[in-house]
C-alpha atoms as a PDB file:
ATOM      1  CA  MET A   1      12.414  -9.786   9.416  1.00  0.00           C
ATOM      2  CA  LYS A   2      13.307 -13.169   7.590  1.00  0.00           C
ATOM      3  CA  ASP A   3       9.335 -13.812   5.937  1.00  0.00           C
ATOM      4  CA  LEU A   4       5.713 -11.871   6.109  1.00  0.00           C
ATOM      5  CA  VAL A   5       3.551 -13.553   8.599  1.00  0.00           C
ATOM      6  CA  SER A   6      -0.479 -13.831   7.340  1.00  0.00           C
ATOM      7  CA  SER A   7      -2.801 -14.107   9.266  1.00  0.00           C
ATOM      8  CA  ILE A   8      -7.268 -14.026   9.354  1.00  0.00           C
ATOM      9  CA  ALA A   9     -10.326 -14.874  11.740  1.00  0.00           C
ATOM     10  CA  VAL A  10     -12.380 -17.843  10.766  1.00  0.00           C
ATOM     11  CA  GLY A  11     -15.223 -18.919  12.950  1.00  0.00           C
ATOM     12  CA  LYS A  12     -18.787 -20.173  13.396  1.00  0.00           C
ATOM     13  CA  VAL A  13     -21.806 -17.859  12.515  1.00  0.00           C
ATOM     14  CA  GLY A  14     -25.725 -18.892  12.271  1.00  0.00           C
ATOM     15  CA  GLY A  15     -24.048 -22.781  12.154  1.00  0.00           C
ATOM     16  CA  GLU A  16     -22.390 -21.923   9.358  1.00  0.00           C
ATOM     17  CA  VAL A  17     -18.413 -22.002   9.136  1.00  0.00           C
ATOM     18  CA  VAL A  18     -17.450 -18.009   8.311  1.00  0.00           C
ATOM     19  CA  LEU A  19     -14.127 -16.391   6.715  1.00  0.00           C
ATOM     20  CA  ASP A  20     -12.941 -13.229   8.179  1.00  0.00           C
ATOM     21  CA  LEU A  21     -15.117 -12.370  11.322  1.00  0.00           C
ATOM     22  CA  ASN A  22     -16.557  -8.947  12.218  1.00  0.00           C
ATOM     23  CA  ALA A  23     -17.084  -7.688  15.932  1.00  0.00           C
ATOM     24  CA  VAL A  24     -20.340  -8.267  15.648  1.00  0.00           C
ATOM     25  CA  GLU A  25     -19.401 -12.466  14.651  1.00  0.00           C
ATOM     26  CA  ASP A  26     -16.113 -12.573  16.664  1.00  0.00           C
ATOM     27  CA  ASN A  27     -17.856 -11.561  20.446  1.00  0.00           C
ATOM     28  CA  TYR A  28     -21.291 -12.659  19.049  1.00  0.00           C
ATOM     29  CA  GLY A  29     -20.829 -15.690  17.575  1.00  0.00           C
ATOM     30  CA  GLU A  30     -20.602 -19.257  18.701  1.00  0.00           C
ATOM     31  CA  ALA A  31     -16.857 -19.707  17.896  1.00  0.00           C
ATOM     32  CA  ASP A  32     -13.935 -18.238  16.684  1.00  0.00           C
ATOM     33  CA  MET A  33     -10.071 -19.463  15.888  1.00  0.00           C
ATOM     34  CA  PRO A  34      -8.015 -16.702  14.440  1.00  0.00           C
ATOM     35  CA  ILE A  35      -4.551 -18.859  12.525  1.00  0.00           C
ATOM     36  CA  ALA A  36      -1.879 -16.932  11.675  1.00  0.00           C
ATOM     37  CA  MET A  37       0.586 -18.586   9.722  1.00  0.00           C
ATOM     38  CA  ILE A  38       3.977 -17.689   6.815  1.00  0.00           C
ATOM     39  CA  ALA A  39       2.643 -18.916   3.697  1.00  0.00           C
ATOM     40  CA  ARG A  40       5.950 -19.695   1.866  1.00  0.00           C
ATOM     41  CA  LYS A  41       6.778 -22.721   4.304  1.00  0.00           C
ATOM     42  CA  ASN A  42       2.689 -23.435   5.140  1.00  0.00           C
ATOM     43  CA  THR A  43       3.844 -23.682   8.630  1.00  0.00           C
ATOM     44  CA  ILE A  44       0.784 -22.155  11.107  1.00  0.00           C
ATOM     45  CA  THR A  45       2.652 -19.661  13.949  1.00  0.00           C
ATOM     46  CA  ALA A  46      -0.973 -19.014  15.925  1.00  0.00           C
ATOM     47  CA  LEU A  47      -3.722 -20.421  16.598  1.00  0.00           C
ATOM     48  CA  GLN A  48      -5.970 -19.810  19.296  1.00  0.00           C
ATOM     49  CA  MET A  49     -10.062 -21.563  19.453  1.00  0.00           C
ATOM     50  CA  ASP A  50     -12.765 -19.742  21.350  1.00  0.00           C
ATOM     51  CA  GLY A  51     -15.890 -21.295  21.332  1.00  0.00           C
ATOM     52  CA  ARG A  52     -16.771 -24.796  20.190  1.00  0.00           C
ATOM     53  CA  LEU A  53     -16.889 -26.592  16.360  1.00  0.00           C
ATOM     54  CA  THR A  54     -17.019 -30.241  15.390  1.00  0.00           C
ATOM     55  CA  LYS A  55     -13.695 -31.950  13.723  1.00  0.00           C
ATOM     56  CA  ASP A  56     -15.476 -31.004  10.342  1.00  0.00           C
ATOM     57  CA  GLU A  57     -16.219 -27.602  11.581  1.00  0.00           C
ATOM     58  CA  PHE A  58     -12.034 -27.490  12.185  1.00  0.00           C
ATOM     59  CA  GLY A  59     -10.671 -28.653   8.596  1.00  0.00           C
ATOM     60  CA  ARG A  60     -13.084 -26.928   7.209  1.00  0.00           C
ATOM     61  CA  GLY A  61     -12.442 -23.676   9.159  1.00  0.00           C
ATOM     62  CA  LEU A  62      -8.668 -24.363   8.564  1.00  0.00           C
ATOM     63  CA  LYS A  63      -8.896 -25.122   5.126  1.00  0.00           C
ATOM     64  CA  LEU A  64      -9.786 -21.762   4.391  1.00  0.00           C
ATOM     65  CA  ALA A  65      -7.963 -19.469   6.909  1.00  0.00           C
ATOM     66  CA  MET A  66      -4.814 -21.234   5.702  1.00  0.00           C
ATOM     67  CA  ASN A  67      -5.816 -20.916   1.968  1.00  0.00           C
ATOM     68  CA  ALA A  68      -6.965 -17.510   2.633  1.00  0.00           C
ATOM     69  CA  CYS A  69      -4.115 -16.278   4.561  1.00  0.00           C
ATOM     70  CA  HIS A  70      -2.234 -17.266   1.240  1.00  0.00           C
ATOM     71  CA  GLN A  71      -3.506 -15.516  -1.044  1.00  0.00           C
ATOM     72  CA  ILE A  72      -3.203 -12.855   1.679  1.00  0.00           C
ATOM     73  CA  TYR A  73       0.472 -12.540   1.338  1.00  0.00           C
ATOM     74  CA  GLU A  74       0.697 -12.336  -1.935  1.00  0.00           C
ATOM     75  CA  LEU A  75      -1.964  -9.468  -1.500  1.00  0.00           C
ATOM     76  CA  GLN A  76       1.315  -8.832   1.304  1.00  0.00           C
ATOM     77  CA  ARG A  77       4.434  -9.698  -0.409  1.00  0.00           C
ATOM     78  CA  THR A  78       3.011  -7.480  -3.906  1.00  0.00           C
ATOM     79  CA  ALA A  79       2.513  -3.979  -1.928  1.00  0.00           C
ATOM     80  CA  LEU A  80       5.992  -4.513  -0.422  1.00  0.00           C
ATOM     81  CA  ILE A  81       7.275  -4.732  -3.580  1.00  0.00           C
ATOM     82  CA  GLU A  82       5.517  -1.871  -5.313  1.00  0.00           C
ATOM     83  CA  ARG A  83       6.252   0.194  -2.600  1.00  0.00           C
ATOM     84  CA  TYR A  84       9.885   0.119  -2.222  1.00  0.00           C
ATOM     85  CA  ASN A  85      10.615  -0.324  -6.269  1.00  0.00           C
ATOM     86  CA  LYS A  86       9.362   2.877  -6.200  1.00  0.00           C
ATOM     87  CA  ARG A  87      11.294   3.844  -3.566  1.00  0.00           C
ATOM     88  CA  GLU A  88      14.727   2.987  -5.432  1.00  0.00           C
ATOM     89  CA  SER A  89      13.926   3.999  -8.330  1.00  0.00           C
ATOM     90  CA  VAL A  90      13.207   7.953  -7.287  1.00  0.00           C
ATOM     91  CA  LYS A  91      16.752   7.639  -5.307  1.00  0.00           C
ATOM     92  CA  PHE A  92      17.968   6.193  -8.149  1.00  0.00           C
ATOM     93  CA  GLU A  93      17.212   9.057  -9.530  1.00  0.00           C
ATOM     94  CA  GLU A  94      18.117  11.953  -7.646  1.00  0.00           C
ATOM     95  CA  ARG A  95      21.280  10.190  -7.556  1.00  0.00           C
ATOM     96  CA  GLU A  96      21.504  10.862 -11.534  1.00  0.00           C
ATOM     97  CA  ALA A  97      21.049  14.606 -10.976  1.00  0.00           C
END
């Protein structure tokens, strides 16, 4: 694994661009657009859109999703560091005993 991929969906519900759609919003909203990206490189690796968005709505949705992916990346990174730092500490303590 070379890097982490973060993803989230944005969509249009009731005429508003929203982030992190729930099942009902995804199924019955006006549009949905899941996005995956490598946050450290600011590179989109997957983007799919169902429904219709204006150019402005698409831009706002993309910006929301990319910002969210950066936040998700930080959470993923922190969780992995915490998980494997604890694991290495236990292994080191076991070797010392």
